[in-house]
Protein backbone atom coordinates (compact mmCIF):
# COMPACT_ATOMS: atom_id res chain seq x y z
CA MET A 1 0.00 0.00 0.00
CA ASN A 2 1.33 3.42 -0.94
CA TRP A 3 0.67 5.27 2.35
CA GLU A 4 1.40 8.70 0.93
CA ALA A 5 -1.24 8.15 -1.77
CA LEU A 6 -3.68 6.86 0.84
CA ILE A 7 -3.19 9.98 2.95
CA TRP A 8 -3.80 12.19 -0.12
CA LEU A 9 -6.90 10.18 -0.98
CA VAL A 10 -8.29 10.54 2.55
CA LEU A 11 -7.62 14.29 2.45
CA LEU A 12 -9.32 14.56 -0.94
CA VAL A 13 -12.38 12.66 0.30
CA VAL A 14 -12.62 14.84 3.41
CA PHE A 15 -12.35 18.01 1.35
CA LEU A 16 -14.77 16.70 -1.28
CA LEU A 17 -17.34 16.02 1.42
CA ALA A 18 -16.78 19.51 2.83
CA ASP A 19 -17.28 20.97 -0.65
CA VAL A 20 -20.82 19.60 -0.82
CA PHE A 21 -21.85 22.66 1.16
CA LYS A 22 -21.83 26.06 -0.56
CA GLU A 23 -20.34 27.76 2.48
CA ARG A 24 -17.24 26.67 4.40
CA TYR A 25 -17.48 25.92 8.10
CA VAL A 26 -15.07 25.28 10.96
CA LYS A 27 -15.59 23.67 14.33
CA SER A 28 -15.03 26.01 17.26
CA GLU A 29 -15.84 26.06 20.98
CA HIS A 30 -19.17 27.63 19.94
CA GLY A 31 -20.05 24.79 17.56
CA ILE A 32 -19.90 24.91 13.78
CA GLU A 33 -19.32 28.39 12.37
CA ARG A 34 -19.24 29.85 8.86
CA VAL A 35 -15.96 30.94 7.27
CA ASN A 36 -16.13 34.00 5.05
CA ASN A 37 -14.50 33.08 1.75
CA VAL A 38 -12.24 35.89 0.68
CA PHE A 39 -9.69 34.75 -1.92
CA ASP A 40 -8.86 32.08 -4.42
CA ALA A 41 -5.16 31.48 -4.95
CA ILE A 42 -4.29 29.84 -8.25
CA GLY A 43 -0.92 28.17 -8.58
CA LEU A 44 0.29 28.02 -12.19
CA GLY A 45 3.20 25.88 -13.34
CA VAL A 46 2.10 25.56 -16.97
CA PHE A 47 -0.20 27.95 -18.79
CA ALA A 48 -3.47 26.30 -19.67
CA VAL A 49 -6.56 28.43 -20.19
CA SER A 50 -5.40 31.45 -18.18
CA GLY A 51 -2.31 32.07 -20.31
CA ALA A 52 -4.33 33.41 -23.22
CA ARG A 53 -5.26 36.59 -21.38
CA ILE A 54 -1.58 37.58 -21.15
CA GLY A 55 -0.44 36.26 -24.50
CA MET A 56 0.99 32.88 -23.46
CA GLU A 57 0.25 29.73 -25.43
CA THR A 58 -1.50 26.79 -23.80
CA GLY A 59 1.11 24.31 -22.62
CA THR A 60 3.89 26.86 -22.08
CA LYS A 61 5.97 25.64 -19.12
CA LEU A 62 7.01 28.32 -16.68
CA ASP A 63 10.44 28.69 -15.12
CA SER A 64 8.83 29.50 -11.80
CA THR A 65 5.36 29.08 -10.35
CA ILE A 66 2.96 32.00 -10.56
CA VAL A 67 0.42 32.52 -7.78
CA GLU A 68 -2.58 34.56 -8.87
CA ILE A 69 -4.86 35.89 -6.17
CA VAL A 70 -8.50 36.22 -7.15
CA LEU A 71 -11.06 38.18 -5.16
CA HIS A 72 -13.87 35.73 -4.42
CA ASP A 73 -16.74 37.90 -5.65
CA GLU A 74 -18.99 36.63 -8.45
CA TYR A 75 -20.71 40.04 -8.76
CA LEU A 76 -17.33 41.49 -9.78
CA GLU A 77 -16.60 38.38 -11.91
CA ASN A 78 -13.83 37.21 -9.53
CA PRO A 79 -11.11 39.68 -10.56
CA VAL A 80 -7.41 38.88 -10.33
CA ILE A 81 -5.91 41.25 -7.77
CA ASN A 82 -2.46 41.81 -6.32
CA LYS A 83 -0.99 42.55 -2.92
CA THR A 84 -1.35 46.30 -3.34
CA HIS A 85 -5.07 45.94 -4.12
CA ILE A 86 -5.53 43.75 -1.05
CA LEU A 87 -3.71 46.18 1.23
CA ALA A 88 -5.47 49.27 -0.17
CA MET A 89 -8.86 47.60 0.21
CA HIS A 90 -8.00 46.40 3.75
CA LEU A 91 -8.92 42.83 2.81
CA ALA A 92 -5.86 41.31 4.46
CA THR A 93 -2.54 42.27 5.99
CA ALA A 94 0.78 41.92 4.18
CA GLU A 95 1.56 38.95 6.43
CA GLU A 96 -1.72 37.26 5.48
CA VAL A 97 -1.05 37.75 1.77
CA ASP A 98 2.44 36.31 2.28
CA PHE A 99 0.88 33.35 4.12
CA MET A 100 -1.48 32.63 1.20
CA VAL A 101 1.30 32.86 -1.38
CA GLU A 102 3.83 30.84 0.67
CA THR A 103 1.25 28.16 1.50
CA SER A 104 0.19 27.91 -2.14
CA LEU A 105 3.83 27.58 -3.25
CA LYS A 106 4.54 24.88 -0.65
CA ILE A 107 1.47 22.92 -1.76
CA ASN A 108 2.59 23.36 -5.38
CA ASP A 109 6.06 21.99 -4.60
CA ILE A 110 4.69 18.94 -2.75
CA LEU A 111 2.03 18.18 -5.38
CA THR A 112 4.33 18.75 -8.36
CA GLU A 113 6.91 16.30 -7.02
CA TYR A 114 4.33 13.72 -5.99
CA MET A 115 2.41 13.88 -9.26
CA ALA A 116 5.63 13.71 -11.32
CA ASP A 117 6.49 10.46 -9.51
CA ILE A 118 3.26 8.92 -10.82
CA GLY A 119 3.55 10.25 -14.37
CA VAL A 120 1.18 13.20 -13.99
CA GLU A 121 1.95 16.86 -14.60
CA LEU A 122 0.37 19.37 -12.23
CA VAL A 123 -0.59 22.21 -14.56
CA ASP A 124 -2.45 24.45 -12.12
CA PHE A 125 -4.70 24.33 -9.09
CA LYS A 126 -7.04 26.59 -7.14
CA LEU A 127 -7.16 26.98 -3.39
CA GLU A 128 -9.71 29.02 -1.45
CA TYR A 129 -8.71 31.00 1.59
CA GLY A 130 -11.25 32.39 4.02
CA ARG A 131 -11.34 34.50 7.13
CA TYR A 132 -12.43 33.01 10.43
CA ASP A 133 -11.92 34.38 13.93
CA GLY A 134 -9.63 37.08 12.54
CA ARG A 135 -7.33 34.64 10.72
CA ILE A 136 -6.89 33.61 7.09
CA LEU A 137 -7.40 29.85 6.70
CA LEU A 138 -7.09 27.44 3.79
CA VAL A 139 -10.69 26.25 3.27
CA ASP A 140 -10.70 24.35 -0.02
CA GLU A 141 -9.81 21.02 -1.55
CA ILE A 142 -7.49 19.95 -4.33
CA ASP A 143 -9.11 17.58 -6.81
CA ALA A 144 -9.57 16.98 -10.52
CA ASP A 145 -12.35 19.60 -10.62
CA THR A 146 -10.24 22.41 -9.13
CA SER A 147 -6.92 21.51 -10.73
CA ARG A 148 -5.49 20.61 -14.09
CA PHE A 149 -3.61 17.34 -14.28
CA TRP A 150 -2.07 16.17 -17.55
CA ASP A 151 -0.54 12.83 -18.39
CA ALA A 152 3.20 13.60 -18.28
CA ARG A 153 3.92 11.64 -21.46
CA THR A 154 0.96 12.50 -23.71
CA HIS A 155 -0.12 15.82 -22.13
CA GLU A 156 -3.72 14.60 -22.29
CA PRO A 157 -5.97 16.18 -19.62
CA MET A 158 -6.95 13.92 -16.72
CA ASP A 159 -9.29 16.44 -15.11
CA ILE A 160 -12.48 18.47 -15.58
CA ASP A 161 -11.11 19.87 -18.86
CA ARG A 162 -12.03 16.54 -20.46
CA PHE A 163 -15.65 17.54 -19.80
CA ARG A 164 -15.27 21.29 -20.48
CA ARG A 165 -13.60 20.68 -23.85
CA ASP A 166 -15.84 17.71 -24.74
CA LEU A 167 -12.88 15.32 -25.02
CA GLY A 168 -14.84 12.32 -23.74
CA ASN A 169 -13.70 9.56 -21.37
CA VAL A 170 -14.06 11.81 -18.33
CA GLU A 171 -14.75 8.96 -15.93
CA GLN A 172 -11.88 6.89 -17.35
CA ALA A 173 -9.44 9.80 -16.91
CA TYR A 174 -10.52 10.26 -13.28
CA GLN A 175 -10.18 6.51 -12.68
CA ASP A 176 -6.70 6.53 -14.22
CA LEU A 177 -5.68 9.45 -11.99
CA LEU A 178 -7.04 7.67 -8.91
CA GLN A 179 -5.27 4.42 -9.83
CA ARG A 180 -1.98 6.23 -10.22
CA MET A 181 -2.44 7.98 -6.89
CA MET A 182 -3.21 4.64 -5.23
CA GLY A 183 -0.11 3.06 -6.73
CA ASP A 184 -2.03 0.77 -9.11
CA SER A 185 -0.52 2.01 -12.40
């Protein structure tokens, strides 16, 4: 049994179950309380869809990971913002922004190495951060619906892009990804 894969699978299942609810909640001494979602942080190692808006071709590998921070506000169409926006709008402190970026980069490093070991390229992923009890917390999951995973050899999507781009075999791609994560490839 690949214990590292099992731990990731358990974490994914826990986060998937948490994602069933529209709002995020945490357990506190007062019971279950709502977390106010504030930001999405998107870690990019390869430009997929998002590269087009800045003139980069899909599939362009980056020399370093980019972390884009997105204001979680559908009314404003979830704009990409930077640290100076966040500070000027008093949405978070400089330390909190640094925490989100550093945490996202650490997760990227761990996932990139792990996925490479199983023949999968981590293209990008989205994390949600929320505010609870005066602190910024990571409140989202990493899965094939919030990330882009490509087969390292063929560069075929193994994620929700199979559905979005009508490539077919969505369930098979998810099964293949799961089998690789479980050490069954």
